[in-house]
Structures are given as C-alpha cells and as structure tokens.
C-alpha cells in the first residue's frame, strides 16, 4: 500500500474514532445535563434543537436525542480535528530544517 493512501486511511480512522468518542461523551452528557461540563458538551445540539423548535420543525422523542447527540458529536469532532491539524501545521512550520 502506498504511503499516501495509508496516511489517508489513518486520518479517516482517527476522525471516525474521534467522532465515536465525542458521540459517547455527548450521549452521557445528555443524561447528566444538571452540571455545567455536560451542558457545554451538549450545547451545539441544544442550539440546533432550539432552532428547529422556533421554525416548527422540532423533533420529539428519539429524534430529539439523536439530534442533540449527533450535532454535538459532529461539532466537537470538527473542533478537535481542526485544532489538531492546526497544531500539526504549526509544528511543521516551526520545526528546524535538517542540517546539511
């Protein structure tokens, strides 16, 4: 397998792992919304659900939970992955070139 294809495969596996972990964290946070860290974790899904309610498209029951967890997991995954890419690019930029 060429290195470039292996790198893409590794990146997609990492992205999937981060999404699954943030999804689990958001599901746990949905059950424990009585504390601040849980509310911060679930806040993106809460905002989307509030917007859906205002536009009369709100989902109830299981759809409510899927929206809250799914949107929160997606937002936090994108935030974590974009920060990790930014750190990777910054480290690459700051790294000294090899001595000749």
PDB file of N, CA and C in Angstrom:
ATOM      1  N   UNK A   1       0.853  -1.176   0.000  1.00  0.00           N
ATOM      2  CA  UNK A   1       0.000   0.000   0.000  1.00  0.00           C
ATOM      3  C   UNK A   1       0.902   1.243   0.000  1.00  0.00           C
ATOM      4  N   UNK A   2       0.648   2.181  -0.914  1.00  0.00           N
ATOM      5  CA  UNK A   2       1.474   3.397  -0.969  1.00  0.00           C
ATOM      6  C   UNK A   2       1.321   4.220   0.318  1.00  0.00           C
ATOM      7  N   UNK A   3       2.370   4.931   0.713  1.00  0.00           N
ATOM      8  CA  UNK A   3       2.322   5.712   1.963  1.00  0.00           C
ATOM      9  C   UNK A   3       1.219   6.766   1.975  1.00  0.00           C
ATOM     10  N   UNK A   4       0.938   7.386   0.830  1.00  0.00           N
ATOM     11  CA  UNK A   4      -0.093   8.433   0.814  1.00  0.00           C
ATOM     12  C   UNK A   4      -1.476   7.838   1.091  1.00  0.00           C
ATOM     13  N   UNK A   5      -1.725   6.653   0.561  1.00  0.00           N
ATOM     14  CA  UNK A   5      -3.019   6.013   0.797  1.00  0.00           C
ATOM     15  C   UNK A   5      -3.124   5.560   2.250  1.00  0.00           C
ATOM     16  N   UNK A   6      -2.028   5.080   2.804  1.00  0.00           N
ATOM     17  CA  UNK A   6      -2.015   4.657   4.201  1.00  0.00           C
ATOM     18  C   UNK A   6      -2.250   5.852   5.114  1.00  0.00           C
ATOM     19  N   UNK A   7      -1.682   7.015   4.763  1.00  0.00           N
ATOM     20  CA  UNK A   7      -1.865   8.222   5.560  1.00  0.00           C
ATOM     21  C   UNK A   7      -3.324   8.667   5.541  1.00  0.00           C
ATOM     22  N   UNK A   8      -3.964   8.595   4.372  1.00  0.00           N
ATOM     23  CA  UNK A   8      -5.379   8.967   4.274  1.00  0.00           C
ATOM     24  C   UNK A   8      -6.240   8.002   5.078  1.00  0.00           C
ATOM     25  N   UNK A   9      -5.918   6.714   5.023  1.00  0.00           N
ATOM     26  CA  UNK A   9      -6.663   5.719   5.772  1.00  0.00           C
ATOM     27  C   UNK A   9      -6.508   5.946   7.271  1.00  0.00           C
ATOM     28  N   UNK A  10      -5.311   6.250   7.705  1.00  0.00           N
ATOM     29  CA  UNK A  10      -5.063   6.514   9.118  1.00  0.00           C
ATOM     30  C   UNK A  10      -5.817   7.756   9.575  1.00  0.00           C
ATOM     31  N   UNK A  11      -5.836   8.791   8.754  1.00  0.00           N
ATOM     32  CA  UNK A  11      -6.548  10.022   9.115  1.00  0.00           C
ATOM     33  C   UNK A  11      -8.047   9.773   9.212  1.00  0.00           C
ATOM     34  N   UNK A  12      -8.595   8.980   8.315  1.00  0.00           N
ATOM     35  CA  UNK A  12     -10.030   8.713   8.373  1.00  0.00           C
ATOM     36  C   UNK A  12     -10.381   7.840   9.574  1.00  0.00           C
ATOM     37  N   UNK A  13      -9.500   6.928   9.936  1.00  0.00           N
ATOM     38  CA  UNK A  13      -9.750   6.110  11.127  1.00  0.00           C
ATOM     39  C   UNK A  13      -9.685   6.980  12.377  1.00  0.00           C
ATOM     40  N   UNK A  14      -8.731   7.896  12.429  1.00  0.00           N
ATOM     41  CA  UNK A  14      -8.656   8.818  13.565  1.00  0.00           C
ATOM     42  C   UNK A  14      -9.900   9.695  13.656  1.00  0.00           C
ATOM     43  N   UNK A  15     -10.362  10.189  12.518  1.00  0.00           N
ATOM     44  CA  UNK A  15     -11.559  11.034  12.510  1.00  0.00           C
ATOM     45  C   UNK A  15     -12.775  10.243  12.983  1.00  0.00           C
ATOM     46  N   UNK A  16     -12.895   9.006  12.547  1.00  0.00           N
ATOM     47  CA  UNK A  16     -14.006   8.165  12.975  1.00  0.00           C
ATOM     48  C   UNK A  16     -13.922   7.875  14.469  1.00  0.00           C
ATOM     49  N   UNK A  17     -12.722   7.625  14.955  1.00  0.00           N
ATOM     50  CA  UNK A  17     -12.543   7.371  16.387  1.00  0.00           C
ATOM     51  C   UNK A  17     -12.915   8.590  17.216  1.00  0.00           C
ATOM     52  N   UNK A  18     -12.507   9.768  16.773  1.00  0.00           N
ATOM     53  CA  UNK A  18     -12.855  10.998  17.496  1.00  0.00           C
ATOM     54  C   UNK A  18     -14.363  11.210  17.473  1.00  0.00           C
ATOM     55  N   UNK A  19     -15.010  10.946  16.331  1.00  0.00           N
ATOM     56  CA  UNK A  19     -16.466  11.106  16.245  1.00  0.00           C
ATOM     57  C   UNK A  19     -17.180  10.131  17.182  1.00  0.00           C
ATOM     58  N   UNK A  20     -16.725   8.906  17.232  1.00  0.00           N
ATOM     59  CA  UNK A  20     -17.358   7.917  18.116  1.00  0.00           C
ATOM     60  C   UNK A  20     -17.173   8.318  19.581  1.00  0.00           C
ATOM     61  N   UNK A  21     -15.974   8.741  19.940  1.00  0.00           N
ATOM     62  CA  UNK A  21     -15.727   9.142  21.329  1.00  0.00           C
ATOM     63  C   UNK A  21     -16.536  10.377  21.726  1.00  0.00           C
ATOM     64  N   UNK A  22     -16.629  11.357  20.841  1.00  0.00           N
ATOM     65  CA  UNK A  22     -17.437  12.538  21.167  1.00  0.00           C
ATOM     66  C   UNK A  22     -18.927  12.192  21.176  1.00  0.00           C
ATOM     67  N   UNK A  23     -19.326  11.239  20.355  1.00  0.00           N
ATOM     68  CA  UNK A  23     -20.722  10.779  20.395  1.00  0.00           C
ATOM     69  C   UNK A  23     -21.060  10.117  21.714  1.00  0.00           C
ATOM     70  N   UNK A  24     -20.147   9.297  22.217  1.00  0.00           N
ATOM     71  CA  UNK A  24     -20.360   8.670  23.526  1.00  0.00           C
ATOM     72  C   UNK A  24     -20.394   9.732  24.623  1.00  0.00           C
ATOM     73  N   UNK A  25     -19.475  10.686  24.544  1.00  0.00           N
ATOM     74  CA  UNK A  25     -19.451  11.756  25.550  1.00  0.00           C
ATOM     75  C   UNK A  25     -20.726  12.593  25.498  1.00  0.00           C
ATOM     76  N   UNK A  26     -21.227  12.858  24.299  1.00  0.00           N
ATOM     77  CA  UNK A  26     -22.468  13.639  24.175  1.00  0.00           C
ATOM     78  C   UNK A  26     -23.672  12.852  24.687  1.00  0.00           C
ATOM     79  N   UNK A  27     -23.688  11.540  24.456  1.00  0.00           N
ATOM     80  CA  UNK A  27     -24.789  10.720  24.959  1.00  0.00           C
ATOM     81  C   UNK A  27     -24.795  10.684  26.485  1.00  0.00           C
ATOM     82  N   UNK A  28     -23.619  10.591  27.073  1.00  0.00           N
ATOM     83  CA  UNK A  28     -23.531  10.620  28.536  1.00  0.00           C
ATOM     84  C   UNK A  28     -23.928  12.002  29.047  1.00  0.00           C
ATOM     85  N   UNK A  29     -23.502  13.039  28.352  1.00  0.00           N
ATOM     86  CA  UNK A  29     -23.827  14.410  28.771  1.00  0.00           C
ATOM     87  C   UNK A  29     -25.329  14.670  28.695  1.00  0.00           C
ATOM     88  N   UNK A  30     -26.009  14.066  27.728  1.00  0.00           N
ATOM     89  CA  UNK A  30     -27.451  14.256  27.601  1.00  0.00           C
ATOM     90  C   UNK A  30     -28.182  13.699  28.817  1.00  0.00           C
ATOM     91  N   UNK A  31     -27.645  12.634  29.382  1.00  0.00           N
ATOM     92  CA  UNK A  31     -28.262  12.042  30.570  1.00  0.00           C
ATOM     93  C   UNK A  31     -27.912  12.798  31.848  1.00  0.00           C
ATOM     94  N   UNK A  32     -26.897  13.658  31.802  1.00  0.00           N
ATOM     95  CA  UNK A  32     -26.444  14.370  33.005  1.00  0.00           C
ATOM     96  C   UNK A  32     -26.384  15.867  32.755  1.00  0.00           C
ATOM     97  N   UNK A  33     -27.479  16.450  32.297  1.00  0.00           N
ATOM     98  CA  UNK A  33     -27.471  17.877  31.973  1.00  0.00           C
ATOM     99  C   UNK A  33     -27.610  18.772  33.199  1.00  0.00           C
ATOM    100  N   UNK A  34     -27.456  18.217  34.393  1.00  0.00           N
ATOM    101  CA  UNK A  34     -27.572  19.028  35.592  1.00  0.00           C
ATOM    102  C   UNK A  34     -26.235  19.626  36.032  1.00  0.00           C
ATOM    103  N   UNK A  35     -25.170  19.402  35.260  1.00  0.00           N
ATOM    104  CA  UNK A  35     -23.896  20.041  35.593  1.00  0.00           C
ATOM    105  C   UNK A  35     -23.351  20.770  34.371  1.00  0.00           C
ATOM    106  N   UNK A  36     -22.494  21.742  34.621  1.00  0.00           N
ATOM    107  CA  UNK A  36     -22.014  22.647  33.574  1.00  0.00           C
ATOM    108  C   UNK A  36     -21.198  21.960  32.478  1.00  0.00           C
ATOM    109  N   UNK A  37     -20.246  21.081  32.777  1.00  0.00           N
ATOM    110  CA  UNK A  37     -19.491  20.438  31.688  1.00  0.00           C
ATOM    111  C   UNK A  37     -20.375  19.631  30.736  1.00  0.00           C
ATOM    112  N   UNK A  38     -21.383  18.968  31.279  1.00  0.00           N
ATOM    113  CA  UNK A  38     -22.299  18.214  30.420  1.00  0.00           C
ATOM    114  C   UNK A  38     -23.101  19.162  29.539  1.00  0.00           C
ATOM    115  N   UNK A  39     -23.533  20.278  30.090  1.00  0.00           N
ATOM    116  CA  UNK A  39     -24.298  21.232  29.296  1.00  0.00           C
ATOM    117  C   UNK A  39     -23.440  21.852  28.196  1.00  0.00           C
ATOM    118  N   UNK A  40     -22.167  22.114  28.495  1.00  0.00           N
ATOM    119  CA  UNK A  40     -21.269  22.655  27.477  1.00  0.00           C
ATOM    120  C   UNK A  40     -21.059  21.633  26.369  1.00  0.00           C
ATOM    121  N   UNK A  41     -20.950  20.364  26.740  1.00  0.00           N
ATOM    122  CA  UNK A  41     -20.762  19.308  25.747  1.00  0.00           C
ATOM    123  C   UNK A  41     -21.969  19.188  24.817  1.00  0.00           C
ATOM    124  N   UNK A  42     -23.155  19.345  25.345  1.00  0.00           N
ATOM    125  CA  UNK A  42     -24.375  19.123  24.563  1.00  0.00           C
ATOM    126  C   UNK A  42     -24.920  20.423  23.962  1.00  0.00           C
ATOM    127  N   UNK A  43     -24.285  21.566  24.234  1.00  0.00           N
ATOM    128  CA  UNK A  43     -24.788  22.876  23.805  1.00  0.00           C
ATOM    129  C   UNK A  43     -25.005  23.009  22.296  1.00  0.00           C
ATOM    130  N   UNK A  44     -24.103  22.536  21.420  1.00  0.00           N
ATOM    131  CA  UNK A  44     -24.383  22.679  19.979  1.00  0.00           C
ATOM    132  C   UNK A  44     -25.669  21.980  19.543  1.00  0.00           C
ATOM    133  N   UNK A  45     -25.907  20.788  20.057  1.00  0.00           N
ATOM    134  CA  UNK A  45     -27.154  20.084  19.736  1.00  0.00           C
ATOM    135  C   UNK A  45     -28.364  20.794  20.300  1.00  0.00           C
ATOM    136  N   UNK A  46     -28.209  21.380  21.481  1.00  0.00           N
ATOM    137  CA  UNK A  46     -29.296  22.132  22.108  1.00  0.00           C
ATOM    138  C   UNK A  46     -29.660  23.348  21.263  1.00  0.00           C
ATOM    139  N   UNK A  47     -28.643  24.032  20.722  1.00  0.00           N
ATOM    140  CA  UNK A  47     -28.911  25.196  19.870  1.00  0.00           C
ATOM    141  C   UNK A  47     -29.643  24.805  18.589  1.00  0.00           C
ATOM    142  N   UNK A  48     -29.229  23.702  17.984  1.00  0.00           N
ATOM    143  CA  UNK A  48     -29.904  23.241  16.759  1.00  0.00           C
ATOM    144  C   UNK A  48     -31.334  22.835  17.065  1.00  0.00           C
ATOM    145  N   UNK A  49     -31.546  22.142  18.170  1.00  0.00           N
ATOM    146  CA  UNK A  49     -32.902  21.731  18.536  1.00  0.00           C
ATOM    147  C   UNK A  49     -33.774  22.948  18.833  1.00  0.00           C
ATOM    148  N   UNK A  50     -33.208  23.984  19.450  1.00  0.00           N
ATOM    149  CA  UNK A  50     -33.966  25.217  19.707  1.00  0.00           C
ATOM    150  C   UNK A  50     -34.327  25.909  18.400  1.00  0.00           C
ATOM    151  N   UNK A  51     -33.395  25.906  17.437  1.00  0.00           N
ATOM    152  CA  UNK A  51     -33.693  26.495  16.135  1.00  0.00           C
ATOM    153  C   UNK A  51     -34.794  25.705  15.431  1.00  0.00           C
ATOM    154  N   UNK A  52     -34.722  24.379  15.510  1.00  0.00           N
ATOM    155  CA  UNK A  52     -35.778  23.560  14.906  1.00  0.00           C
ATOM    156  C   UNK A  52     -37.124  23.827  15.567  1.00  0.00           C
ATOM    157  N   UNK A  53     -37.132  24.054  16.871  1.00  0.00           N
ATOM    158  CA  UNK A  53     -38.366  24.357  17.580  1.00  0.00           C
ATOM    159  C   UNK A  53     -38.944  25.689  17.107  1.00  0.00           C
ATOM    160  N   UNK A  54     -38.081  26.685  16.942  1.00  0.00           N
ATOM    161  CA  UNK A  54     -38.541  28.008  16.511  1.00  0.00           C
ATOM    162  C   UNK A  54     -39.093  27.975  15.088  1.00  0.00           C
ATOM    163  N   UNK A  55     -38.555  27.119  14.247  1.00  0.00           N
ATOM    164  CA  UNK A  55     -39.041  27.027  12.868  1.00  0.00           C
ATOM    165  C   UNK A  55     -40.130  25.970  12.703  1.00  0.00           C
ATOM    166  N   UNK A  56     -40.638  25.461  13.818  1.00  0.00           N
ATOM    167  CA  UNK A  56     -41.714  24.465  13.845  1.00  0.00           C
ATOM    168  C   UNK A  56     -41.331  23.170  13.139  1.00  0.00           C
ATOM    169  N   UNK A  57     -40.067  22.779  13.247  1.00  0.00           N
ATOM    170  CA  UNK A  57     -39.607  21.513  12.683  1.00  0.00           C
ATOM    171  C   UNK A  57     -38.966  20.634  13.760  1.00  0.00           C
ATOM    172  N   UNK A  58     -39.255  20.918  15.006  1.00  0.00           N
ATOM    173  CA  UNK A  58     -38.608  20.204  16.111  1.00  0.00           C
ATOM    174  C   UNK A  58     -38.966  18.729  16.097  1.00  0.00           C
ATOM    175  N   UNK A  59     -37.993  17.936  16.480  1.00  0.00           N
ATOM    176  CA  UNK A  59     -38.195  16.502  16.576  1.00  0.00           C
ATOM    177  C   UNK A  59     -38.476  16.148  18.031  1.00  0.00           C
ATOM    178  N   UNK A  60     -39.313  15.166  18.213  1.00  0.00           N
ATOM    179  CA  UNK A  60     -39.624  14.759  19.575  1.00  0.00           C
ATOM    180  C   UNK A  60     -39.142  13.349  19.841  1.00  0.00           C
ATOM    181  N   UNK A  61     -39.092  12.989  21.097  1.00  0.00           N
ATOM    182  CA  UNK A  61     -38.730  11.634  21.491  1.00  0.00           C
ATOM    183  C   UNK A  61     -37.316  11.260  21.109  1.00  0.00           C
ATOM    184  N   UNK A  62     -37.192  10.170  20.364  1.00  0.00           N
ATOM    185  CA  UNK A  62     -35.882   9.663  19.977  1.00  0.00           C
ATOM    186  C   UNK A  62     -35.180  10.611  19.005  1.00  0.00           C
ATOM    187  N   UNK A  63     -35.938  11.288  18.137  1.00  0.00           N
ATOM    188  CA  UNK A  63     -35.354  12.255  17.206  1.00  0.00           C
ATOM    189  C   UNK A  63     -34.689  13.413  17.921  1.00  0.00           C
ATOM    190  N   UNK A  64     -35.273  13.806  19.045  1.00  0.00           N
ATOM    191  CA  UNK A  64     -34.682  14.868  19.874  1.00  0.00           C
ATOM    192  C   UNK A  64     -33.311  14.434  20.375  1.00  0.00           C
ATOM    193  N   UNK A  65     -33.219  13.223  20.896  1.00  0.00           N
ATOM    194  CA  UNK A  65     -31.954  12.720  21.429  1.00  0.00           C
ATOM    195  C   UNK A  65     -30.918  12.533  20.331  1.00  0.00           C
ATOM    196  N   UNK A  66     -31.346  12.021  19.183  1.00  0.00           N
ATOM    197  CA  UNK A  66     -30.416  11.821  18.071  1.00  0.00           C
ATOM    198  C   UNK A  66     -29.877  13.164  17.578  1.00  0.00           C
ATOM    199  N   UNK A  67     -30.741  14.170  17.497  1.00  0.00           N
ATOM    200  CA  UNK A  67     -30.306  15.498  17.067  1.00  0.00           C
ATOM    201  C   UNK A  67     -29.304  16.082  18.055  1.00  0.00           C
ATOM    202  N   UNK A  68     -29.626  16.008  19.334  1.00  0.00           N
ATOM    203  CA  UNK A  68     -28.750  16.581  20.352  1.00  0.00           C
ATOM    204  C   UNK A  68     -27.388  15.899  20.348  1.00  0.00           C
ATOM    205  N   UNK A  69     -27.370  14.584  20.335  1.00  0.00           N
ATOM    206  CA  UNK A  69     -26.111  13.843  20.395  1.00  0.00           C
ATOM    207  C   UNK A  69     -25.349  13.959  19.080  1.00  0.00           C
ATOM    208  N   UNK A  70     -26.035  13.794  17.959  1.00  0.00           N
ATOM    209  CA  UNK A  70     -25.381  13.819  16.649  1.00  0.00           C
ATOM    210  C   UNK A  70     -24.740  15.160  16.327  1.00  0.00           C
ATOM    211  N   UNK A  71     -25.475  16.229  16.528  1.00  0.00           N
ATOM    212  CA  UNK A  71     -24.939  17.562  16.232  1.00  0.00           C
ATOM    213  C   UNK A  71     -23.791  17.901  17.178  1.00  0.00           C
ATOM    214  N   UNK A  72     -23.945  17.577  18.445  1.00  0.00           N
ATOM    215  CA  UNK A  72     -22.874  17.853  19.400  1.00  0.00           C
ATOM    216  C   UNK A  72     -21.617  17.058  19.058  1.00  0.00           C
ATOM    217  N   UNK A  73     -21.778  15.784  18.726  1.00  0.00           N
ATOM    218  CA  UNK A  73     -20.623  14.960  18.358  1.00  0.00           C
ATOM    219  C   UNK A  73     -19.947  15.506  17.107  1.00  0.00           C
ATOM    220  N   UNK A  74     -20.731  15.923  16.131  1.00  0.00           N
ATOM    221  CA  UNK A  74     -20.159  16.460  14.896  1.00  0.00           C
ATOM    222  C   UNK A  74     -19.393  17.756  15.152  1.00  0.00           C
ATOM    223  N   UNK A  75     -19.976  18.666  15.906  1.00  0.00           N
ATOM    224  CA  UNK A  75     -19.332  19.954  16.177  1.00  0.00           C
ATOM    225  C   UNK A  75     -18.039  19.756  16.972  1.00  0.00           C
ATOM    226  N   UNK A  76     -18.089  18.961  18.028  1.00  0.00           N
ATOM    227  CA  UNK A  76     -16.890  18.755  18.843  1.00  0.00           C
ATOM    228  C   UNK A  76     -15.829  17.983  18.083  1.00  0.00           C
ATOM    229  N   UNK A  77     -16.236  17.025  17.236  1.00  0.00           N
ATOM    230  CA  UNK A  77     -15.257  16.292  16.424  1.00  0.00           C
ATOM    231  C   UNK A  77     -14.544  17.232  15.458  1.00  0.00           C
ATOM    232  N   UNK A  78     -15.308  18.071  14.782  1.00  0.00           N
ATOM    233  CA  UNK A  78     -14.694  19.018  13.851  1.00  0.00           C
ATOM    234  C   UNK A  78     -13.780  19.997  14.571  1.00  0.00           C
ATOM    235  N   UNK A  79     -14.177  20.428  15.748  1.00  0.00           N
ATOM    236  CA  UNK A  79     -13.341  21.339  16.524  1.00  0.00           C
ATOM    237  C   UNK A  79     -12.036  20.664  16.947  1.00  0.00           C
ATOM    238  N   UNK A  80     -12.121  19.463  17.454  1.00  0.00           N
ATOM    239  CA  UNK A  80     -10.921  18.739  17.899  1.00  0.00           C
ATOM    240  C   UNK A  80     -10.004  18.444  16.717  1.00  0.00           C
ATOM    241  N   UNK A  81     -10.581  17.976  15.608  1.00  0.00           N
ATOM    242  CA  UNK A  81      -9.758  17.640  14.449  1.00  0.00           C
ATOM    243  C   UNK A  81      -9.117  18.873  13.822  1.00  0.00           C
ATOM    244  N   UNK A  82      -9.852  19.974  13.751  1.00  0.00           N
ATOM    245  CA  UNK A  82      -9.264  21.175  13.159  1.00  0.00           C
ATOM    246  C   UNK A  82      -8.169  21.749  14.057  1.00  0.00           C
ATOM    247  N   UNK A  83      -8.342  21.669  15.368  1.00  0.00           N
ATOM    248  CA  UNK A  83      -7.277  22.113  16.267  1.00  0.00           C
ATOM    249  C   UNK A  83      -6.049  21.215  16.156  1.00  0.00           C
ATOM    250  N   UNK A  84      -6.259  19.917  16.014  1.00  0.00           N
ATOM    251  CA  UNK A  84      -5.102  19.020  15.887  1.00  0.00           C
ATOM    252  C   UNK A  84      -4.364  19.248  14.570  1.00  0.00           C
ATOM    253  N   UNK A  85      -5.086  19.533  13.499  1.00  0.00           N
ATOM    254  CA  UNK A  85      -4.432  19.845  12.222  1.00  0.00           C
ATOM    255  C   UNK A  85      -3.682  21.165  12.318  1.00  0.00           C
ATOM    256  N   UNK A  86      -4.264  22.146  13.009  1.00  0.00           N
ATOM    257  CA  UNK A  86      -3.586  23.428  13.177  1.00  0.00           C
ATOM    258  C   UNK A  86      -2.297  23.266  13.974  1.00  0.00           C
ATOM    259  N   UNK A  87      -2.325  22.464  15.014  1.00  0.00           N
ATOM    260  CA  UNK A  87      -1.116  22.217  15.803  1.00  0.00           C
ATOM    261  C   UNK A  87      -0.083  21.483  14.958  1.00  0.00           C
ATOM    262  N   UNK A  88      -0.519  20.506  14.181  1.00  0.00           N
ATOM    263  CA  UNK A  88       0.387  19.758  13.310  1.00  0.00           C
ATOM    264  C   UNK A  88       1.056  20.686  12.294  1.00  0.00           C
ATOM    265  N   UNK A  89       0.269  21.577  11.677  1.00  0.00           N
ATOM    266  CA  UNK A  89       0.830  22.516  10.706  1.00  0.00           C
ATOM    267  C   UNK A  89       1.785  23.502  11.376  1.00  0.00           C
ATOM    268  N   UNK A  90       1.427  23.955  12.560  1.00  0.00           N
ATOM    269  CA  UNK A  90       2.291  24.885  13.284  1.00  0.00           C
ATOM    270  C   UNK A  90       3.615  24.222  13.678  1.00  0.00           C
ATOM    271  N   UNK A  91       3.557  22.992  14.137  1.00  0.00           N
ATOM    272  CA  UNK A  91       4.787  22.270  14.481  1.00  0.00           C
ATOM    273  C   UNK A  91       5.658  22.053  13.252  1.00  0.00           C
ATOM    274  N   UNK A  92       5.009  21.782  12.125  1.00  0.00           N
ATOM    275  CA  UNK A  92       5.749  21.587  10.884  1.00  0.00           C
ATOM    276  C   UNK A  92       6.404  22.891  10.424  1.00  0.00           C
ATOM    277  N   UNK A  93       5.725  23.991  10.645  1.00  0.00           N
ATOM    278  CA  UNK A  93       6.248  25.294  10.254  1.00  0.00           C
ATOM    279  C   UNK A  93       7.417  25.723  11.147  1.00  0.00           C
ATOM    280  N   UNK A  94       7.303  25.439  12.428  1.00  0.00           N
ATOM    281  CA  UNK A  94       8.308  25.877  13.393  1.00  0.00           C
ATOM    282  C   UNK A  94       9.525  24.954  13.407  1.00  0.00           C
ATOM    283  N   UNK A  95       9.360  23.719  13.024  1.00  0.00           N
ATOM    284  CA  UNK A  95      10.450  22.753  13.071  1.00  0.00           C
ATOM    285  C   UNK A  95      11.634  23.233  12.247  1.00  0.00           C
ATOM    286  N   UNK A  96      12.804  23.050  12.794  1.00  0.00           N
ATOM    287  CA  UNK A  96      14.015  23.470  12.097  1.00  0.00           C
ATOM    288  C   UNK A  96      14.267  22.563  10.904  1.00  0.00           C
ATOM    289  N   UNK A  97      14.800  23.150   9.846  1.00  0.00           N
ATOM    290  CA  UNK A  97      15.168  22.292   8.704  1.00  0.00           C
ATOM    291  C   UNK A  97      16.399  21.454   9.073  1.00  0.00           C
ATOM    292  N   UNK A  98      16.517  20.270   8.514  1.00  0.00           N
ATOM    293  CA  UNK A  98      17.665  19.429   8.853  1.00  0.00           C
ATOM    294  C   UNK A  98      18.975  20.073   8.409  1.00  0.00           C
ATOM    295  N   UNK A  99      20.005  19.850   9.204  1.00  0.00           N
ATOM    296  CA  UNK A  99      21.313  20.423   8.886  1.00  0.00           C
ATOM    297  C   UNK A  99      21.902  19.728   7.653  1.00  0.00           C
ATOM    298  N   UNK A 100      22.512  20.528   6.803  1.00  0.00           N
ATOM    299  CA  UNK A 100      23.063  19.965   5.560  1.00  0.00           C
ATOM    300  C   UNK A 100      24.479  19.499   5.703  1.00  0.00           C
TER     301      UNK A 100
END
